[in-house]
């Protein structure tokens, strides 16, 4: 089994909060990440696919195709945007990095499967100290 990883970067703003909660409760639960005036990050995104190299061309998946799938389906939709307000695939979800990783998986997986590879991991580094890895376990995204 071969694992192929592509890294992309994006900048985005978000606020972690529940609308039905008071600002005080949101602050207690989410800390400064619930700032009503938003805050932003310079994110690193790693997408790892797995598979066996093709007999025909030797690739698990053409890296240029993987790059373009990530750019078209994720980066162009999220870079320099407000995740809560402008990113369609995050509508109705709390804008945590955990939920973002699951949403990115859900966006990319069908395109990667069409290329004959399997999506293995979506990793997002929110800060140099915090990152999330998602391996496709089926779970409910918190709203």
N, C-alpha and C. Protein backbone atom coordinates (compact mmCIF):
# COMPACT_ATOMS: atom_id res chain seq x y z
N UNK A 1 0.85 -1.18 0.00
CA UNK A 1 0.00 0.00 0.00
C UNK A 1 0.90 1.24 0.00
N UNK A 2 0.56 2.18 -0.86
CA UNK A 2 1.29 3.45 -0.97
C UNK A 2 0.39 4.57 -0.45
N UNK A 3 0.99 5.50 0.28
CA UNK A 3 0.28 6.67 0.79
C UNK A 3 0.88 7.91 0.14
N UNK A 4 0.05 8.72 -0.46
CA UNK A 4 0.46 9.94 -1.17
C UNK A 4 -0.18 11.12 -0.48
N UNK A 5 0.61 12.12 -0.10
CA UNK A 5 0.09 13.28 0.62
C UNK A 5 0.40 14.56 -0.14
N UNK A 6 -0.61 15.42 -0.20
CA UNK A 6 -0.47 16.75 -0.79
C UNK A 6 -0.80 17.77 0.28
N UNK A 7 0.04 18.81 0.39
CA UNK A 7 -0.22 19.90 1.33
C UNK A 7 -0.66 21.13 0.57
N UNK A 8 -1.67 21.78 1.08
CA UNK A 8 -2.12 23.09 0.59
C UNK A 8 -2.30 23.99 1.80
N UNK A 9 -2.40 25.27 1.55
CA UNK A 9 -2.57 26.26 2.63
C UNK A 9 -3.76 27.15 2.32
N UNK A 10 -4.39 27.64 3.39
CA UNK A 10 -5.44 28.64 3.22
C UNK A 10 -5.53 29.49 4.48
N UNK A 11 -6.06 30.67 4.30
CA UNK A 11 -6.30 31.60 5.41
C UNK A 11 -7.81 31.79 5.51
N UNK A 12 -8.33 31.75 6.72
CA UNK A 12 -9.77 31.91 6.90
C UNK A 12 -10.08 32.39 8.30
N UNK A 13 -11.23 33.04 8.42
CA UNK A 13 -11.73 33.51 9.71
C UNK A 13 -12.86 32.59 10.15
N UNK A 14 -13.07 32.54 11.46
CA UNK A 14 -14.20 31.78 11.98
C UNK A 14 -14.51 32.23 13.40
N UNK A 15 -15.61 31.74 13.89
CA UNK A 15 -16.00 31.92 15.29
C UNK A 15 -16.63 30.61 15.74
N UNK A 16 -16.17 30.10 16.85
CA UNK A 16 -16.77 28.91 17.42
C UNK A 16 -17.83 29.37 18.42
N UNK A 17 -19.08 29.01 18.14
CA UNK A 17 -20.17 29.41 19.03
C UNK A 17 -21.44 28.66 18.67
N UNK A 18 -22.34 28.65 19.60
CA UNK A 18 -23.69 28.15 19.38
C UNK A 18 -24.61 29.36 19.48
N UNK A 19 -25.41 29.57 18.45
CA UNK A 19 -26.30 30.73 18.40
C UNK A 19 -27.24 30.81 19.58
N UNK A 20 -27.72 29.66 20.03
CA UNK A 20 -28.71 29.65 21.10
C UNK A 20 -28.10 29.91 22.48
N UNK A 21 -26.77 29.93 22.57
CA UNK A 21 -26.10 30.21 23.83
C UNK A 21 -25.79 31.69 23.96
N UNK A 22 -25.67 32.16 25.19
CA UNK A 22 -25.27 33.54 25.45
C UNK A 22 -23.78 33.70 25.10
N UNK A 23 -23.36 34.96 24.92
CA UNK A 23 -21.94 35.22 24.69
C UNK A 23 -21.11 34.73 25.87
N UNK A 24 -21.66 34.83 27.08
CA UNK A 24 -20.94 34.40 28.28
C UNK A 24 -20.71 32.88 28.26
N UNK A 25 -21.74 32.12 27.90
CA UNK A 25 -21.59 30.67 27.86
C UNK A 25 -20.66 30.25 26.72
N UNK A 26 -20.79 30.90 25.57
CA UNK A 26 -19.88 30.60 24.46
C UNK A 26 -18.44 30.87 24.87
N UNK A 27 -18.20 31.97 25.57
CA UNK A 27 -16.85 32.30 26.03
C UNK A 27 -16.34 31.25 27.01
N UNK A 28 -17.22 30.78 27.88
CA UNK A 28 -16.84 29.76 28.85
C UNK A 28 -16.45 28.45 28.14
N UNK A 29 -17.21 28.05 27.14
CA UNK A 29 -16.98 26.78 26.46
C UNK A 29 -15.86 26.89 25.42
N UNK A 30 -15.90 27.91 24.59
CA UNK A 30 -14.98 28.02 23.45
C UNK A 30 -13.82 28.98 23.68
N UNK A 31 -13.82 29.70 24.80
CA UNK A 31 -12.74 30.64 25.08
C UNK A 31 -12.69 31.77 24.06
N UNK A 32 -11.49 32.30 23.86
CA UNK A 32 -11.35 33.44 22.96
C UNK A 32 -11.72 33.12 21.51
N UNK A 33 -11.85 31.84 21.19
CA UNK A 33 -12.27 31.45 19.84
C UNK A 33 -13.74 31.76 19.58
N UNK A 34 -14.47 32.19 20.61
CA UNK A 34 -15.86 32.59 20.42
C UNK A 34 -16.01 34.10 20.29
N UNK A 35 -14.93 34.81 20.05
CA UNK A 35 -14.96 36.26 19.89
C UNK A 35 -16.04 36.66 18.89
N UNK A 36 -17.03 37.46 19.30
CA UNK A 36 -18.10 37.87 18.38
C UNK A 36 -17.61 38.61 17.14
N UNK A 37 -16.40 39.13 17.19
CA UNK A 37 -15.83 39.84 16.04
C UNK A 37 -14.92 38.95 15.19
N UNK A 38 -14.97 37.62 15.41
CA UNK A 38 -14.25 36.64 14.62
C UNK A 38 -12.75 36.65 14.92
N UNK A 39 -12.06 35.69 14.40
CA UNK A 39 -10.60 35.62 14.43
C UNK A 39 -10.19 34.70 13.29
N UNK A 40 -8.91 34.70 12.94
CA UNK A 40 -8.49 33.92 11.78
C UNK A 40 -7.24 33.11 12.03
N UNK A 41 -6.98 32.21 11.07
CA UNK A 41 -5.81 31.34 11.11
C UNK A 41 -5.21 31.21 9.72
N UNK A 42 -3.94 30.89 9.70
CA UNK A 42 -3.26 30.45 8.48
C UNK A 42 -3.17 28.94 8.59
N UNK A 43 -4.05 28.25 7.90
CA UNK A 43 -4.18 26.80 8.01
C UNK A 43 -3.24 26.08 7.05
N UNK A 44 -2.78 24.92 7.48
CA UNK A 44 -2.13 23.95 6.59
C UNK A 44 -3.07 22.76 6.48
N UNK A 45 -3.27 22.30 5.27
CA UNK A 45 -4.15 21.17 5.00
C UNK A 45 -3.34 20.09 4.30
N UNK A 46 -3.35 18.87 4.86
CA UNK A 46 -2.72 17.72 4.23
C UNK A 46 -3.82 16.74 3.86
N UNK A 47 -3.81 16.32 2.61
CA UNK A 47 -4.74 15.30 2.14
C UNK A 47 -3.91 14.09 1.73
N UNK A 48 -4.18 12.96 2.35
CA UNK A 48 -3.45 11.72 2.06
C UNK A 48 -4.40 10.72 1.42
N UNK A 49 -3.96 10.19 0.28
CA UNK A 49 -4.70 9.13 -0.39
C UNK A 49 -3.86 7.87 -0.34
N UNK A 50 -4.52 6.72 -0.51
CA UNK A 50 -3.78 5.46 -0.49
C UNK A 50 -4.25 4.59 -1.64
N UNK A 51 -3.38 3.66 -2.02
CA UNK A 51 -3.72 2.71 -3.06
C UNK A 51 -2.48 2.01 -3.56
N UNK A 52 -2.66 1.21 -4.55
CA UNK A 52 -1.55 0.52 -5.19
C UNK A 52 -1.19 1.26 -6.47
N UNK A 53 0.09 1.37 -6.78
CA UNK A 53 0.49 2.05 -8.01
C UNK A 53 -0.08 1.33 -9.23
N UNK A 54 -0.50 2.12 -10.19
CA UNK A 54 -1.05 1.60 -11.43
C UNK A 54 0.05 0.90 -12.24
N UNK A 55 -0.29 -0.22 -12.84
CA UNK A 55 0.65 -0.90 -13.74
C UNK A 55 0.96 -0.02 -14.94
N UNK A 56 -0.04 0.76 -15.37
CA UNK A 56 0.09 1.58 -16.57
C UNK A 56 1.04 2.76 -16.37
N UNK A 57 0.88 3.51 -15.27
CA UNK A 57 1.66 4.75 -15.09
C UNK A 57 2.46 4.82 -13.80
N UNK A 58 2.28 3.88 -12.90
CA UNK A 58 3.08 3.84 -11.69
C UNK A 58 2.61 4.74 -10.57
N UNK A 59 1.52 5.47 -10.75
CA UNK A 59 0.99 6.36 -9.72
C UNK A 59 -0.10 5.67 -8.92
N UNK A 60 -0.21 6.02 -7.65
CA UNK A 60 -1.42 5.74 -6.89
C UNK A 60 -2.51 6.65 -7.43
N UNK A 61 -2.10 7.92 -7.62
CA UNK A 61 -2.97 8.95 -8.19
C UNK A 61 -2.05 10.04 -8.70
N UNK A 62 -2.36 10.61 -9.83
CA UNK A 62 -1.56 11.69 -10.37
C UNK A 62 -1.61 12.87 -9.39
N UNK A 63 -0.46 13.30 -8.89
CA UNK A 63 -0.39 14.37 -7.89
C UNK A 63 -0.96 15.68 -8.41
N UNK A 64 -0.84 15.92 -9.71
CA UNK A 64 -1.40 17.15 -10.28
C UNK A 64 -2.92 17.12 -10.26
N UNK A 65 -3.50 15.96 -10.45
CA UNK A 65 -4.96 15.83 -10.34
C UNK A 65 -5.39 16.02 -8.90
N UNK A 66 -4.66 15.40 -7.95
CA UNK A 66 -4.98 15.57 -6.54
C UNK A 66 -4.90 17.04 -6.15
N UNK A 67 -3.84 17.71 -6.56
CA UNK A 67 -3.68 19.14 -6.28
C UNK A 67 -4.89 19.92 -6.80
N UNK A 68 -5.28 19.68 -8.02
CA UNK A 68 -6.38 20.44 -8.62
C UNK A 68 -7.71 20.14 -7.94
N UNK A 69 -7.93 18.89 -7.54
CA UNK A 69 -9.15 18.56 -6.81
C UNK A 69 -9.23 19.31 -5.49
N UNK A 70 -8.11 19.40 -4.79
CA UNK A 70 -8.09 20.12 -3.51
C UNK A 70 -8.32 21.61 -3.76
N UNK A 71 -7.67 22.17 -4.74
CA UNK A 71 -7.82 23.61 -5.03
C UNK A 71 -9.25 23.93 -5.44
N UNK A 72 -9.79 23.15 -6.39
CA UNK A 72 -11.13 23.43 -6.91
C UNK A 72 -12.22 23.22 -5.88
N UNK A 73 -12.11 22.18 -5.08
CA UNK A 73 -13.20 21.79 -4.20
C UNK A 73 -13.08 22.28 -2.77
N UNK A 74 -11.87 22.73 -2.37
CA UNK A 74 -11.68 23.20 -1.00
C UNK A 74 -11.08 24.61 -0.98
N UNK A 75 -9.88 24.75 -1.48
CA UNK A 75 -9.15 26.02 -1.33
C UNK A 75 -9.90 27.19 -1.94
N UNK A 76 -10.40 27.03 -3.16
CA UNK A 76 -11.13 28.14 -3.81
C UNK A 76 -12.41 28.50 -3.07
N UNK A 77 -12.93 27.59 -2.27
CA UNK A 77 -14.17 27.84 -1.54
C UNK A 77 -13.95 28.38 -0.14
N UNK A 78 -12.71 28.28 0.38
CA UNK A 78 -12.48 28.64 1.79
C UNK A 78 -11.41 29.70 1.99
N UNK A 79 -10.47 29.82 1.07
CA UNK A 79 -9.34 30.73 1.27
C UNK A 79 -9.82 32.19 1.32
N UNK A 80 -9.38 32.89 2.36
CA UNK A 80 -9.73 34.29 2.61
C UNK A 80 -11.24 34.49 2.73
N UNK A 81 -11.89 33.53 3.38
CA UNK A 81 -13.33 33.59 3.60
C UNK A 81 -13.61 33.47 5.10
N UNK A 82 -14.85 33.78 5.45
CA UNK A 82 -15.35 33.55 6.79
C UNK A 82 -16.02 32.17 6.77
N UNK A 83 -15.46 31.22 7.49
CA UNK A 83 -15.94 29.84 7.46
C UNK A 83 -17.41 29.76 7.88
N UNK A 84 -17.82 30.54 8.87
CA UNK A 84 -19.19 30.50 9.35
C UNK A 84 -20.19 31.05 8.33
N UNK A 85 -19.80 32.07 7.60
CA UNK A 85 -20.75 32.79 6.75
C UNK A 85 -20.63 32.51 5.26
N UNK A 86 -19.45 32.15 4.79
CA UNK A 86 -19.22 32.09 3.35
C UNK A 86 -18.89 30.71 2.78
N UNK A 87 -18.69 29.74 3.62
CA UNK A 87 -18.25 28.41 3.15
C UNK A 87 -19.45 27.47 3.19
N UNK A 88 -19.98 27.18 2.00
CA UNK A 88 -21.22 26.40 1.90
C UNK A 88 -21.12 25.05 2.60
N UNK A 89 -19.99 24.35 2.46
CA UNK A 89 -19.90 23.02 3.06
C UNK A 89 -19.77 23.05 4.58
N UNK A 90 -19.70 24.24 5.18
CA UNK A 90 -19.68 24.36 6.64
C UNK A 90 -20.96 24.98 7.19
N UNK A 91 -21.93 25.27 6.33
CA UNK A 91 -23.19 25.87 6.79
C UNK A 91 -23.86 24.98 7.84
N UNK A 92 -24.29 25.61 8.93
CA UNK A 92 -25.00 24.89 9.98
C UNK A 92 -24.13 24.09 10.93
N UNK A 93 -22.81 24.20 10.79
CA UNK A 93 -21.90 23.45 11.65
C UNK A 93 -21.10 24.42 12.52
N UNK A 94 -20.77 24.00 13.72
CA UNK A 94 -19.86 24.79 14.54
C UNK A 94 -18.50 24.75 13.86
N UNK A 95 -17.87 25.90 13.69
CA UNK A 95 -16.64 26.00 12.88
C UNK A 95 -15.39 25.59 13.66
N UNK A 96 -15.44 24.38 14.22
CA UNK A 96 -14.25 23.81 14.85
C UNK A 96 -13.39 23.18 13.76
N UNK A 97 -12.13 22.97 14.08
CA UNK A 97 -11.25 22.29 13.13
C UNK A 97 -11.67 20.84 12.95
N UNK A 98 -12.21 20.24 13.99
CA UNK A 98 -12.72 18.87 13.88
C UNK A 98 -13.83 18.78 12.82
N UNK A 99 -14.81 19.67 12.94
CA UNK A 99 -15.90 19.67 11.97
C UNK A 99 -15.42 20.03 10.57
N UNK A 100 -14.43 20.91 10.49
CA UNK A 100 -13.87 21.29 9.20
C UNK A 100 -13.19 20.10 8.53
N UNK A 101 -12.47 19.30 9.30
CA UNK A 101 -11.80 18.12 8.73
C UNK A 101 -12.83 17.13 8.16
N UNK A 102 -13.91 16.90 8.89
CA UNK A 102 -14.95 15.99 8.42
C UNK A 102 -15.61 16.54 7.16
N UNK A 103 -15.89 17.83 7.15
CA UNK A 103 -16.54 18.45 5.98
C UNK A 103 -15.64 18.40 4.76
N UNK A 104 -14.35 18.63 4.94
CA UNK A 104 -13.41 18.54 3.81
C UNK A 104 -13.36 17.11 3.29
N UNK A 105 -13.32 16.14 4.19
CA UNK A 105 -13.36 14.73 3.78
C UNK A 105 -14.59 14.48 2.90
N UNK A 106 -15.74 14.91 3.40
CA UNK A 106 -16.99 14.67 2.67
C UNK A 106 -16.99 15.35 1.30
N UNK A 107 -16.36 16.50 1.20
CA UNK A 107 -16.27 17.21 -0.09
C UNK A 107 -15.35 16.49 -1.07
N UNK A 108 -14.21 16.03 -0.59
CA UNK A 108 -13.18 15.46 -1.47
C UNK A 108 -13.38 13.99 -1.82
N UNK A 109 -13.92 13.23 -0.90
CA UNK A 109 -13.95 11.78 -1.06
C UNK A 109 -14.53 11.30 -2.39
N UNK A 110 -15.67 11.81 -2.83
CA UNK A 110 -16.21 11.31 -4.10
C UNK A 110 -15.27 11.54 -5.29
N UNK A 111 -14.59 12.67 -5.32
CA UNK A 111 -13.68 13.00 -6.43
C UNK A 111 -12.45 12.09 -6.42
N UNK A 112 -11.95 11.79 -5.23
CA UNK A 112 -10.77 10.94 -5.13
C UNK A 112 -11.12 9.50 -5.50
N UNK A 113 -12.28 9.04 -5.07
CA UNK A 113 -12.71 7.68 -5.44
C UNK A 113 -12.81 7.53 -6.95
N UNK A 114 -13.27 8.58 -7.64
CA UNK A 114 -13.37 8.52 -9.10
C UNK A 114 -12.01 8.38 -9.78
N UNK A 115 -10.95 8.72 -9.07
CA UNK A 115 -9.59 8.60 -9.61
C UNK A 115 -8.99 7.23 -9.31
N UNK A 116 -9.73 6.37 -8.63
CA UNK A 116 -9.25 5.03 -8.35
C UNK A 116 -8.41 4.92 -7.09
N UNK A 117 -8.34 5.99 -6.30
CA UNK A 117 -7.59 5.97 -5.04
C UNK A 117 -8.60 6.00 -3.89
N UNK A 118 -8.10 5.84 -2.69
CA UNK A 118 -8.94 5.94 -1.49
C UNK A 118 -8.43 7.08 -0.63
N UNK A 119 -9.34 7.90 -0.14
CA UNK A 119 -8.95 8.95 0.79
C UNK A 119 -8.58 8.27 2.11
N UNK A 120 -7.40 8.59 2.62
CA UNK A 120 -6.90 7.97 3.84
C UNK A 120 -7.00 8.91 5.04
N UNK A 121 -6.59 10.18 4.85
CA UNK A 121 -6.55 11.10 5.99
C UNK A 121 -6.67 12.55 5.51
N UNK A 122 -7.41 13.32 6.26
CA UNK A 122 -7.42 14.78 6.13
C UNK A 122 -6.84 15.31 7.43
N UNK A 123 -5.74 16.04 7.30
CA UNK A 123 -5.09 16.64 8.48
C UNK A 123 -5.12 18.15 8.30
N UNK A 124 -5.53 18.84 9.34
CA UNK A 124 -5.55 20.30 9.33
C UNK A 124 -4.75 20.81 10.51
N UNK A 125 -3.79 21.66 10.22
CA UNK A 125 -3.03 22.34 11.26
C UNK A 125 -3.58 23.75 11.37
N UNK A 126 -4.20 24.02 12.52
CA UNK A 126 -4.80 25.33 12.76
C UNK A 126 -3.75 26.32 13.27
N UNK A 127 -2.91 25.84 14.16
CA UNK A 127 -1.77 26.62 14.67
C UNK A 127 -0.59 25.67 14.73
N UNK A 128 0.58 26.19 15.02
CA UNK A 128 1.75 25.31 15.11
C UNK A 128 1.62 24.32 16.27
N UNK A 129 0.70 24.58 17.18
CA UNK A 129 0.51 23.70 18.33
C UNK A 129 -0.72 22.80 18.25
N UNK A 130 -1.61 23.06 17.30
CA UNK A 130 -2.88 22.33 17.23
C UNK A 130 -3.13 21.80 15.83
N UNK A 131 -3.39 20.51 15.74
CA UNK A 131 -3.79 19.92 14.46
C UNK A 131 -4.81 18.82 14.71
N UNK A 132 -5.56 18.53 13.66
CA UNK A 132 -6.61 17.51 13.69
C UNK A 132 -6.34 16.54 12.55
N UNK A 133 -6.55 15.26 12.80
CA UNK A 133 -6.48 14.25 11.74
C UNK A 133 -7.79 13.50 11.73
N UNK A 134 -8.34 13.31 10.53
CA UNK A 134 -9.60 12.58 10.37
C UNK A 134 -9.39 11.47 9.36
N UNK A 135 -9.80 10.27 9.73
CA UNK A 135 -9.57 9.09 8.90
C UNK A 135 -10.87 8.50 8.33
N UNK A 136 -11.92 9.29 8.32
CA UNK A 136 -13.13 8.88 7.65
C UNK A 136 -14.11 8.07 8.47
N UNK A 137 -13.92 8.02 9.76
CA UNK A 137 -14.91 7.33 10.56
C UNK A 137 -16.23 8.07 10.41
N UNK A 138 -17.26 7.33 10.30
CA UNK A 138 -18.58 7.95 10.15
C UNK A 138 -19.01 8.45 11.52
N UNK A 139 -19.39 9.70 11.55
CA UNK A 139 -19.84 10.29 12.80
C UNK A 139 -20.69 11.50 12.53
N UNK A 140 -21.38 11.93 13.50
CA UNK A 140 -22.26 13.08 13.37
C UNK A 140 -21.45 14.35 13.58
N UNK A 141 -21.63 15.31 12.69
CA UNK A 141 -21.01 16.61 12.86
C UNK A 141 -21.93 17.42 13.76
N UNK A 142 -21.37 17.99 14.82
CA UNK A 142 -22.17 18.81 15.75
C UNK A 142 -22.68 20.05 15.06
N UNK A 143 -23.90 20.37 15.33
CA UNK A 143 -24.50 21.59 14.78
C UNK A 143 -24.67 22.60 15.87
